[in-house]
Amino acid sequence: MKLSEKEIDTRLAELAHWGRTDGKWIERKYRFAEFMDSIRFTNRVAEEAERLNHHPMIAIDFRMVTLRLTSWSAGGLTALDFEAAQHFEAVYASMEK
């Protein structure tokens, strides 16, 4: 189910570094020290996305990876978008150690 604007604002406030773009997306850019780190992160995000059955738009620009999420079937942002973002944050946190 598509979230209300208030629900989106509340959930977005709980996700540091994520922002809203074009009204229907949440987005975050991740920067890495090495190109291969960005590839490893992308591969782990892909695995997590498959497990969740919710796939982000992914752009790899050398050492920066951009993830964007929306729920096409609901016509905007849903709880699943924010759940996926939290999982992707956990993947990133596990790589920073």
PDB file of N, CA and C in Angstrom:
ATOM      1  N   MET A   1       0.839  -1.177   0.000  1.00  0.00           N
ATOM      2  CA  MET A   1       0.000   0.000   0.000  1.00  0.00           C
ATOM      3  C   MET A   1       0.888   1.245   0.000  1.00  0.00           C
ATOM      4  N   LYS A   2       0.545   2.192  -0.832  1.00  0.00           N
ATOM      5  CA  LYS A   2       1.279   3.441  -0.947  1.00  0.00           C
ATOM      6  C   LYS A   2       1.178   4.214   0.366  1.00  0.00           C
ATOM      7  N   LEU A   3       2.317   4.761   0.813  1.00  0.00           N
ATOM      8  CA  LEU A   3       2.361   5.514   2.062  1.00  0.00           C
ATOM      9  C   LEU A   3       1.878   6.946   1.856  1.00  0.00           C
ATOM     10  N   SER A   4       1.330   7.528   2.920  1.00  0.00           N
ATOM     11  CA  SER A   4       0.937   8.937   2.894  1.00  0.00           C
ATOM     12  C   SER A   4       2.197   9.805   2.983  1.00  0.00           C
ATOM     13  N   GLU A   5       2.056  11.070   2.670  1.00  0.00           N
ATOM     14  CA  GLU A   5       3.195  11.998   2.756  1.00  0.00           C
ATOM     15  C   GLU A   5       3.745  12.043   4.177  1.00  0.00           C
ATOM     16  N   LYS A   6       2.880  12.037   5.157  1.00  0.00           N
ATOM     17  CA  LYS A   6       3.316  12.076   6.555  1.00  0.00           C
ATOM     18  C   LYS A   6       4.094  10.810   6.908  1.00  0.00           C
ATOM     19  N   GLU A   7       3.605   9.652   6.475  1.00  0.00           N
ATOM     20  CA  GLU A   7       4.303   8.387   6.728  1.00  0.00           C
ATOM     21  C   GLU A   7       5.673   8.376   6.050  1.00  0.00           C
ATOM     22  N   ILE A   8       5.736   8.898   4.841  1.00  0.00           N
ATOM     23  CA  ILE A   8       7.005   8.961   4.113  1.00  0.00           C
ATOM     24  C   ILE A   8       7.988   9.842   4.867  1.00  0.00           C
ATOM     25  N   ASP A   9       7.533  11.016   5.302  1.00  0.00           N
ATOM     26  CA  ASP A   9       8.415  11.930   6.040  1.00  0.00           C
ATOM     27  C   ASP A   9       8.925  11.291   7.327  1.00  0.00           C
ATOM     28  N   THR A  10       8.053  10.593   8.032  1.00  0.00           N
ATOM     29  CA  THR A  10       8.437   9.935   9.284  1.00  0.00           C
ATOM     30  C   THR A  10       9.480   8.862   9.031  1.00  0.00           C
ATOM     31  N   ARG A  11       9.240   8.024   8.044  1.00  0.00           N
ATOM     32  CA  ARG A  11      10.175   6.933   7.744  1.00  0.00           C
ATOM     33  C   ARG A  11      11.498   7.451   7.194  1.00  0.00           C
ATOM     34  N   LEU A  12      11.431   8.505   6.390  1.00  0.00           N
ATOM     35  CA  LEU A  12      12.656   9.068   5.826  1.00  0.00           C
ATOM     36  C   LEU A  12      13.524   9.678   6.921  1.00  0.00           C
ATOM     37  N   ALA A  13      12.907  10.243   7.939  1.00  0.00           N
ATOM     38  CA  ALA A  13      13.654  10.819   9.057  1.00  0.00           C
ATOM     39  C   ALA A  13      14.450   9.753   9.808  1.00  0.00           C
ATOM     40  N   GLU A  14      14.038   8.504   9.694  1.00  0.00           N
ATOM     41  CA  GLU A  14      14.723   7.396  10.363  1.00  0.00           C
ATOM     42  C   GLU A  14      15.875   6.830   9.536  1.00  0.00           C
ATOM     43  N   LEU A  15      16.025   7.286   8.300  1.00  0.00           N
ATOM     44  CA  LEU A  15      17.066   6.784   7.398  1.00  0.00           C
ATOM     45  C   LEU A  15      18.080   7.888   7.107  1.00  0.00           C
ATOM     46  N   ALA A  16      19.167   7.895   7.858  1.00  0.00           N
ATOM     47  CA  ALA A  16      20.215   8.892   7.604  1.00  0.00           C
ATOM     48  C   ALA A  16      20.772   8.703   6.196  1.00  0.00           C
ATOM     49  N   HIS A  17      21.067   9.799   5.545  1.00  0.00           N
ATOM     50  CA  HIS A  17      21.709   9.826   4.223  1.00  0.00           C
ATOM     51  C   HIS A  17      20.777   9.513   3.055  1.00  0.00           C
ATOM     52  N   TRP A  18      19.541   9.110   3.318  1.00  0.00           N
ATOM     53  CA  TRP A  18      18.585   8.871   2.241  1.00  0.00           C
ATOM     54  C   TRP A  18      17.771  10.141   2.036  1.00  0.00           C
ATOM     55  N   GLY A  19      17.430  10.418   0.784  1.00  0.00           N
ATOM     56  CA  GLY A  19      16.605  11.574   0.466  1.00  0.00           C
ATOM     57  C   GLY A  19      15.528  11.188  -0.529  1.00  0.00           C
ATOM     58  N   ARG A  20      14.628  12.095  -0.726  1.00  0.00           N
ATOM     59  CA  ARG A  20      13.522  11.862  -1.658  1.00  0.00           C
ATOM     60  C   ARG A  20      13.814  12.597  -2.960  1.00  0.00           C
ATOM     61  N   THR A  21      13.561  11.942  -4.072  1.00  0.00           N
ATOM     62  CA  THR A  21      13.764  12.563  -5.376  1.00  0.00           C
ATOM     63  C   THR A  21      12.528  12.367  -6.236  1.00  0.00           C
ATOM     64  N   ASP A  22      12.194  13.361  -6.989  1.00  0.00           N
ATOM     65  CA  ASP A  22      11.075  13.322  -7.940  1.00  0.00           C
ATOM     66  C   ASP A  22       9.756  12.870  -7.310  1.00  0.00           C
ATOM     67  N   GLY A  23       9.637  12.998  -5.997  1.00  0.00           N
ATOM     68  CA  GLY A  23       8.387  12.685  -5.329  1.00  0.00           C
ATOM     69  C   GLY A  23       8.068  11.213  -5.155  1.00  0.00           C
ATOM     70  N   LYS A  24       8.631  10.360  -6.011  1.00  0.00           N
ATOM     71  CA  LYS A  24       8.249   8.946  -5.950  1.00  0.00           C
ATOM     72  C   LYS A  24       9.408   8.012  -5.624  1.00  0.00           C
ATOM     73  N   TRP A  25      10.579   8.559  -5.389  1.00  0.00           N
ATOM     74  CA  TRP A  25      11.773   7.757  -5.127  1.00  0.00           C
ATOM     75  C   TRP A  25      12.388   8.133  -3.784  1.00  0.00           C
ATOM     76  N   ILE A  26      13.076   7.160  -3.156  1.00  0.00           N
ATOM     77  CA  ILE A  26      14.059   7.479  -2.137  1.00  0.00           C
ATOM     78  C   ILE A  26      15.398   7.058  -2.714  1.00  0.00           C
ATOM     79  N   GLU A  27      16.451   7.790  -2.337  1.00  0.00           N
ATOM     80  CA  GLU A  27      17.740   7.606  -2.990  1.00  0.00           C
ATOM     81  C   GLU A  27      18.864   7.821  -1.993  1.00  0.00           C
ATOM     82  N   ARG A  28      19.933   7.072  -2.202  1.00  0.00           N
ATOM     83  CA  ARG A  28      21.164   7.282  -1.431  1.00  0.00           C
ATOM     84  C   ARG A  28      22.370   6.999  -2.303  1.00  0.00           C
ATOM     85  N   LYS A  29      23.413   7.800  -2.106  1.00  0.00           N
ATOM     86  CA  LYS A  29      24.694   7.588  -2.780  1.00  0.00           C
ATOM     87  C   LYS A  29      25.685   7.058  -1.751  1.00  0.00           C
ATOM     88  N   TYR A  30      26.390   6.002  -2.121  1.00  0.00           N
ATOM     89  CA  TYR A  30      27.409   5.387  -1.276  1.00  0.00           C
ATOM     90  C   TYR A  30      28.769   5.576  -1.949  1.00  0.00           C
ATOM     91  N   ARG A  31      29.740   6.054  -1.196  1.00  0.00           N
ATOM     92  CA  ARG A  31      31.089   6.256  -1.742  1.00  0.00           C
ATOM     93  C   ARG A  31      32.045   5.217  -1.148  1.00  0.00           C
ATOM     94  N   PHE A  32      32.942   4.738  -1.989  1.00  0.00           N
ATOM     95  CA  PHE A  32      33.883   3.698  -1.592  1.00  0.00           C
ATOM     96  C   PHE A  32      35.311   4.120  -1.925  1.00  0.00           C
ATOM     97  N   ALA A  33      36.261   3.534  -1.220  1.00  0.00           N
ATOM     98  CA  ALA A  33      37.670   3.852  -1.437  1.00  0.00           C
ATOM     99  C   ALA A  33      38.192   3.295  -2.754  1.00  0.00           C
ATOM    100  N   GLU A  34      37.662   2.141  -3.143  1.00  0.00           N
ATOM    101  CA  GLU A  34      38.146   1.456  -4.347  1.00  0.00           C
ATOM    102  C   GLU A  34      36.965   1.053  -5.227  1.00  0.00           C
ATOM    103  N   PHE A  35      37.206   1.001  -6.516  1.00  0.00           N
ATOM    104  CA  PHE A  35      36.176   0.573  -7.455  1.00  0.00           C
ATOM    105  C   PHE A  35      35.625  -0.804  -7.108  1.00  0.00           C
ATOM    106  N   MET A  36      36.505  -1.742  -6.787  1.00  0.00           N
ATOM    107  CA  MET A  36      36.045  -3.104  -6.492  1.00  0.00           C
ATOM    108  C   MET A  36      35.182  -3.161  -5.232  1.00  0.00           C
ATOM    109  N   ASP A  37      35.364  -2.226  -4.309  1.00  0.00           N
ATOM    110  CA  ASP A  37      34.473  -2.144  -3.138  1.00  0.00           C
ATOM    111  C   ASP A  37      33.058  -1.808  -3.588  1.00  0.00           C
ATOM    112  N   SER A  38      32.947  -0.914  -4.554  1.00  0.00           N
ATOM    113  CA  SER A  38      31.614  -0.552  -5.053  1.00  0.00           C
ATOM    114  C   SER A  38      30.956  -1.745  -5.744  1.00  0.00           C
ATOM    115  N   ILE A  39      31.747  -2.552  -6.420  1.00  0.00           N
ATOM    116  CA  ILE A  39      31.216  -3.743  -7.089  1.00  0.00           C
ATOM    117  C   ILE A  39      30.790  -4.789  -6.061  1.00  0.00           C
ATOM    118  N   ARG A  40      31.623  -5.001  -5.034  1.00  0.00           N
ATOM    119  CA  ARG A  40      31.253  -5.952  -3.977  1.00  0.00           C
ATOM    120  C   ARG A  40      29.958  -5.522  -3.285  1.00  0.00           C
ATOM    121  N   PHE A  41      29.830  -4.228  -2.993  1.00  0.00           N
ATOM    122  CA  PHE A  41      28.612  -3.709  -2.375  1.00  0.00           C
ATOM    123  C   PHE A  41      27.407  -3.960  -3.281  1.00  0.00           C
ATOM    124  N   THR A  42      27.554  -3.654  -4.551  1.00  0.00           N
ATOM    125  CA  THR A  42      26.462  -3.851  -5.508  1.00  0.00           C
ATOM    126  C   THR A  42      26.040  -5.313  -5.561  1.00  0.00           C
ATOM    127  N   ASN A  43      26.988  -6.215  -5.555  1.00  0.00           N
ATOM    128  CA  ASN A  43      26.660  -7.644  -5.572  1.00  0.00           C
ATOM    129  C   ASN A  43      25.897  -8.047  -4.317  1.00  0.00           C
ATOM    130  N   ARG A  44      26.299  -7.532  -3.173  1.00  0.00           N
ATOM    131  CA  ARG A  44      25.604  -7.869  -1.928  1.00  0.00           C
ATOM    132  C   ARG A  44      24.214  -7.249  -1.894  1.00  0.00           C
ATOM    133  N   VAL A  45      24.070  -6.032  -2.420  1.00  0.00           N
ATOM    134  CA  VAL A  45      22.744  -5.411  -2.531  1.00  0.00           C
ATOM    135  C   VAL A  45      21.856  -6.257  -3.427  1.00  0.00           C
ATOM    136  N   ALA A  46      22.402  -6.741  -4.531  1.00  0.00           N
ATOM    137  CA  ALA A  46      21.623  -7.573  -5.455  1.00  0.00           C
ATOM    138  C   ALA A  46      21.141  -8.844  -4.768  1.00  0.00           C
ATOM    139  N   GLU A  47      21.988  -9.460  -3.976  1.00  0.00           N
ATOM    140  CA  GLU A  47      21.585 -10.659  -3.243  1.00  0.00           C
ATOM    141  C   GLU A  47      20.458 -10.351  -2.254  1.00  0.00           C
ATOM    142  N   GLU A  48      20.594  -9.246  -1.545  1.00  0.00           N
ATOM    143  CA  GLU A  48      19.572  -8.857  -0.578  1.00  0.00           C
ATOM    144  C   GLU A  48      18.267  -8.495  -1.285  1.00  0.00           C
ATOM    145  N   ALA A  49      18.361  -7.822  -2.410  1.00  0.00           N
ATOM    146  CA  ALA A  49      17.170  -7.462  -3.190  1.00  0.00           C
ATOM    147  C   ALA A  49      16.430  -8.710  -3.669  1.00  0.00           C
ATOM    148  N   GLU A  50      17.172  -9.701  -4.097  1.00  0.00           N
ATOM    149  CA  GLU A  50      16.550 -10.965  -4.514  1.00  0.00           C
ATOM    150  C   GLU A  50      15.827 -11.625  -3.350  1.00  0.00           C
ATOM    151  N   ARG A  51      16.473 -11.621  -2.185  1.00  0.00           N
ATOM    152  CA  ARG A  51      15.861 -12.220  -1.003  1.00  0.00           C
ATOM    153  C   ARG A  51      14.563 -11.503  -0.631  1.00  0.00           C
ATOM    154  N   LEU A  52      14.571 -10.173  -0.742  1.00  0.00           N
ATOM    155  CA  LEU A  52      13.386  -9.371  -0.420  1.00  0.00           C
ATOM    156  C   LEU A  52      12.362  -9.339  -1.556  1.00  0.00           C
ATOM    157  N   ASN A  53      12.803  -9.741  -2.753  1.00  0.00           N
ATOM    158  CA  ASN A  53      12.007  -9.601  -3.968  1.00  0.00           C
ATOM    159  C   ASN A  53      11.579  -8.142  -4.174  1.00  0.00           C
ATOM    160  N   HIS A  54      12.545  -7.257  -3.953  1.00  0.00           N
ATOM    161  CA  HIS A  54      12.322  -5.818  -4.161  1.00  0.00           C
ATOM    162  C   HIS A  54      13.655  -5.234  -4.617  1.00  0.00           C
ATOM    163  N   HIS A  55      13.693  -4.774  -5.855  1.00  0.00           N
ATOM    164  CA  HIS A  55      14.949  -4.450  -6.511  1.00  0.00           C
ATOM    165  C   HIS A  55      15.108  -2.953  -6.730  1.00  0.00           C
ATOM    166  N   PRO A  56      16.243  -2.404  -6.328  1.00  0.00           N
ATOM    167  CA  PRO A  56      16.488  -0.977  -6.542  1.00  0.00           C
ATOM    168  C   PRO A  56      17.007  -0.707  -7.947  1.00  0.00           C
ATOM    169  N   MET A  57      16.894   0.537  -8.349  1.00  0.00           N
ATOM    170  CA  MET A  57      17.640   1.012  -9.508  1.00  0.00           C
ATOM    171  C   MET A  57      19.052   1.225  -8.985  1.00  0.00           C
ATOM    172  N   ILE A  58      20.045   0.752  -9.710  1.00  0.00           N
ATOM    173  CA  ILE A  58      21.434   0.841  -9.272  1.00  0.00           C
ATOM    174  C   ILE A  58      22.258   1.528 -10.356  1.00  0.00           C
ATOM    175  N   ALA A  59      23.025   2.540  -9.956  1.00  0.00           N
ATOM    176  CA  ALA A  59      23.974   3.187 -10.862  1.00  0.00           C
ATOM    177  C   ALA A  59      25.352   3.103 -10.220  1.00  0.00           C
ATOM    178  N   ILE A  60      26.316   2.619 -10.985  1.00  0.00           N
ATOM    179  CA  ILE A  60      27.693   2.525 -10.509  1.00  0.00           C
ATOM    180  C   ILE A  60      28.514   3.537 -11.288  1.00  0.00           C
ATOM    181  N   ASP A  61      29.094   4.475 -10.565  1.00  0.00           N
ATOM    182  CA  ASP A  61      29.954   5.495 -11.159  1.00  0.00           C
ATOM    183  C   ASP A  61      31.310   5.441 -10.470  1.00  0.00           C
ATOM    184  N   PHE A  62      32.148   4.552 -10.979  1.00  0.00           N
ATOM    185  CA  PHE A  62      33.493   4.328 -10.460  1.00  0.00           C
ATOM    186  C   PHE A  62      33.429   3.917  -8.988  1.00  0.00           C
ATOM    187  N   ARG A  63      33.660   4.826  -8.051  1.00  0.00           N
ATOM    188  CA  ARG A  63      33.656   4.471  -6.627  1.00  0.00           C
ATOM    189  C   ARG A  63      32.391   4.928  -5.909  1.00  0.00           C
ATOM    190  N   MET A  64      31.376   5.286  -6.661  1.00  0.00           N
ATOM    191  CA  MET A  64      30.110   5.723  -6.065  1.00  0.00           C
ATOM    192  C   MET A  64      28.974   4.866  -6.626  1.00  0.00           C
ATOM    193  N   VAL A  65      28.129   4.382  -5.712  1.00  0.00           N
ATOM    194  CA  VAL A  65      26.958   3.600  -6.092  1.00  0.00           C
ATOM    195  C   VAL A  65      25.728   4.362  -5.626  1.00  0.00           C
ATOM    196  N   THR A  66      24.782   4.552  -6.531  1.00  0.00           N
ATOM    197  CA  THR A  66      23.519   5.204  -6.197  1.00  0.00           C
ATOM    198  C   THR A  66      22.416   4.164  -6.235  1.00  0.00           C
ATOM    199  N   LEU A  67      21.642   4.100  -5.150  1.00  0.00           N
ATOM    200  CA  LEU A  67      20.470   3.226  -5.084  1.00  0.00           C
ATOM    201  C   LEU A  67      19.221   4.099  -5.045  1.00  0.00           C
ATOM    202  N   ARG A  68      18.222   3.719  -5.840  1.00  0.00           N
ATOM    203  CA  ARG A  68      16.916   4.397  -5.835  1.00  0.00           C
ATOM    204  C   ARG A  68      15.836   3.342  -5.695  1.00  0.00           C
ATOM    205  N   LEU A  69      14.848   3.647  -4.860  1.00  0.00           N
ATOM    206  CA  LEU A  69      13.756   2.715  -4.600  1.00  0.00           C
ATOM    207  C   LEU A  69      12.405   3.369  -4.786  1.00  0.00           C
ATOM    208  N   THR A  70      11.465   2.614  -5.325  1.00  0.00           N
ATOM    209  CA  THR A  70      10.053   2.968  -5.391  1.00  0.00           C
ATOM    210  C   THR A  70       9.287   1.667  -5.607  1.00  0.00           C
ATOM    211  N   SER A  71       7.991   1.715  -5.429  1.00  0.00           N
ATOM    212  CA  SER A  71       7.151   0.531  -5.676  1.00  0.00           C
ATOM    213  C   SER A  71       6.219   0.838  -6.840  1.00  0.00           C
ATOM    214  N   TRP A  72       6.596   0.362  -8.011  1.00  0.00           N
ATOM    215  CA  TRP A  72       5.809   0.635  -9.220  1.00  0.00           C
ATOM    216  C   TRP A  72       4.378   0.135  -9.078  1.00  0.00           C
ATOM    217  N   SER A  73       4.199  -1.036  -8.482  1.00  0.00           N
ATOM    218  CA  SER A  73       2.862  -1.623  -8.382  1.00  0.00           C
ATOM    219  C   SER A  73       1.917  -0.788  -7.522  1.00  0.00           C
ATOM    220  N   ALA A  74       2.471  -0.005  -6.592  1.00  0.00           N
ATOM    221  CA  ALA A  74       1.648   0.837  -5.716  1.00  0.00           C
ATOM    222  C   ALA A  74       1.588   2.280  -6.205  1.00  0.00           C
ATOM    223  N   GLY A  75       2.375   2.605  -7.198  1.00  0.00           N
ATOM    224  CA  GLY A  75       2.385   3.968  -7.719  1.00  0.00           C
ATOM    225  C   GLY A  75       3.123   4.957  -6.839  1.00  0.00           C
ATOM    226  N   GLY A  76       4.077   4.477  -6.057  1.00  0.00           N
ATOM    227  CA  GLY A  76       4.852   5.366  -5.194  1.00  0.00           C
ATOM    228  C   GLY A  76       5.560   4.581  -4.110  1.00  0.00           C
ATOM    229  N   LEU A  77       5.860   5.262  -3.032  1.00  0.00           N
ATOM    230  CA  LEU A  77       6.632   4.655  -1.953  1.00  0.00           C
ATOM    231  C   LEU A  77       5.758   3.839  -1.008  1.00  0.00           C
ATOM    232  N   THR A  78       6.299   2.673  -0.610  1.00  0.00           N
ATOM    233  CA  THR A  78       5.609   1.788   0.320  1.00  0.00           C
ATOM    234  C   THR A  78       6.562   1.418   1.463  1.00  0.00           C
ATOM    235  N   ALA A  79       6.025   0.717   2.445  1.00  0.00           N
ATOM    236  CA  ALA A  79       6.845   0.255   3.566  1.00  0.00           C
ATOM    237  C   ALA A  79       8.000  -0.615   3.069  1.00  0.00           C
ATOM    238  N   LEU A  80       7.775  -1.371   2.007  1.00  0.00           N
ATOM    239  CA  LEU A  80       8.817  -2.247   1.477  1.00  0.00           C
ATOM    240  C   LEU A  80      10.031  -1.462   0.987  1.00  0.00           C
ATOM    241  N   ASP A  81       9.825  -0.280   0.445  1.00  0.00           N
ATOM    242  CA  ASP A  81      10.949   0.546   0.008  1.00  0.00           C
ATOM    243  C   ASP A  81      11.844   0.904   1.189  1.00  0.00           C
ATOM    244  N   PHE A  82      11.227   1.265   2.290  1.00  0.00           N
ATOM    245  CA  PHE A  82      11.986   1.656   3.472  1.00  0.00           C
ATOM    246  C   PHE A  82      12.625   0.450   4.152  1.00  0.00           C
ATOM    247  N   GLU A  83      11.949  -0.680   4.121  1.00  0.00           N
ATOM    248  CA  GLU A  83      12.526  -1.909   4.657  1.00  0.00           C
ATOM    249  C   GLU A  83      13.759  -2.298   3.844  1.00  0.00           C
ATOM    250  N   ALA A  84      13.653  -2.237   2.535  1.00  0.00           N
ATOM    251  CA  ALA A  84      14.794  -2.564   1.675  1.00  0.00           C
ATOM    252  C   ALA A  84      15.950  -1.602   1.938  1.00  0.00           C
ATOM    253  N   ALA A  85      15.655  -0.326   2.068  1.00  0.00           N
ATOM    254  CA  ALA A  85      16.703   0.666   2.349  1.00  0.00           C
ATOM    255  C   ALA A  85      17.431   0.325   3.646  1.00  0.00           C
ATOM    256  N   GLN A  86      16.705  -0.093   4.656  1.00  0.00           N
ATOM    257  CA  GLN A  86      17.335  -0.476   5.928  1.00  0.00           C
ATOM    258  C   GLN A  86      18.245  -1.688   5.738  1.00  0.00           C
ATOM    259  N   HIS A  87      17.826  -2.639   4.943  1.00  0.00           N
ATOM    260  CA  HIS A  87      18.665  -3.806   4.658  1.00  0.00           C
ATOM    261  C   HIS A  87      19.928  -3.399   3.903  1.00  0.00           C
ATOM    262  N   PHE A  88      19.796  -2.482   2.956  1.00  0.00           N
ATOM    263  CA  PHE A  88      20.963  -2.037   2.196  1.00  0.00           C
ATOM    264  C   PHE A  88      21.927  -1.254   3.096  1.00  0.00           C
ATOM    265  N   GLU A  89      21.378  -0.518   4.050  1.00  0.00           N
ATOM    266  CA  GLU A  89      22.219   0.172   5.036  1.00  0.00           C
ATOM    267  C   GLU A  89      23.014  -0.842   5.856  1.00  0.00           C
ATOM    268  N   ALA A  90      22.383  -1.931   6.237  1.00  0.00           N
ATOM    269  CA  ALA A  90      23.069  -2.972   7.002  1.00  0.00           C
ATOM    270  C   ALA A  90      24.199  -3.597   6.176  1.00  0.00           C
ATOM    271  N   VAL A  91      23.960  -3.792   4.894  1.00  0.00           N
ATOM    272  CA  VAL A  91      25.008  -4.319   4.010  1.00  0.00           C
ATOM    273  C   VAL A  91      26.185  -3.354   4.010  1.00  0.00           C
ATOM    274  N   TYR A  92      25.917  -2.069   3.859  1.00  0.00           N
ATOM    275  CA  TYR A  92      26.978  -1.066   3.840  1.00  0.00           C
ATOM    276  C   TYR A  92      27.725  -1.040   5.174  1.00  0.00           C
ATOM    277  N   ALA A  93      26.997  -1.063   6.259  1.00  0.00           N
ATOM    278  CA  ALA A  93      27.622  -1.038   7.588  1.00  0.00           C
ATOM    279  C   ALA A  93      28.537  -2.238   7.789  1.00  0.00           C
ATOM    280  N   SER A  94      28.131  -3.390   7.287  1.00  0.00           N
ATOM    281  CA  SER A  94      28.951  -4.596   7.452  1.00  0.00           C
ATOM    282  C   SER A  94      30.235  -4.522   6.638  1.00  0.00           C
ATOM    283  N   MET A  95      30.247  -3.718   5.595  1.00  0.00           N
ATOM    284  CA  MET A  95      31.431  -3.578   4.756  1.00  0.00           C
ATOM    285  C   MET A  95      32.408  -2.552   5.315  1.00  0.00           C
ATOM    286  N   GLU A  96      31.937  -1.667   6.159  1.00  0.00           N
ATOM    287  CA  GLU A  96      32.780  -0.582   6.689  1.00  0.00           C
ATOM    288  C   GLU A  96      33.712  -1.053   7.809  1.00  0.00           C
ATOM    289  N   LYS A  97      33.584  -2.287   8.240  1.00  0.00           N
ATOM    290  CA  LYS A  97      34.414  -2.792   9.350  1.00  0.00           C
ATOM    291  C   LYS A  97      35.762  -3.222   8.884  1.00  0.00           C
TER     292      LYS A  97
END
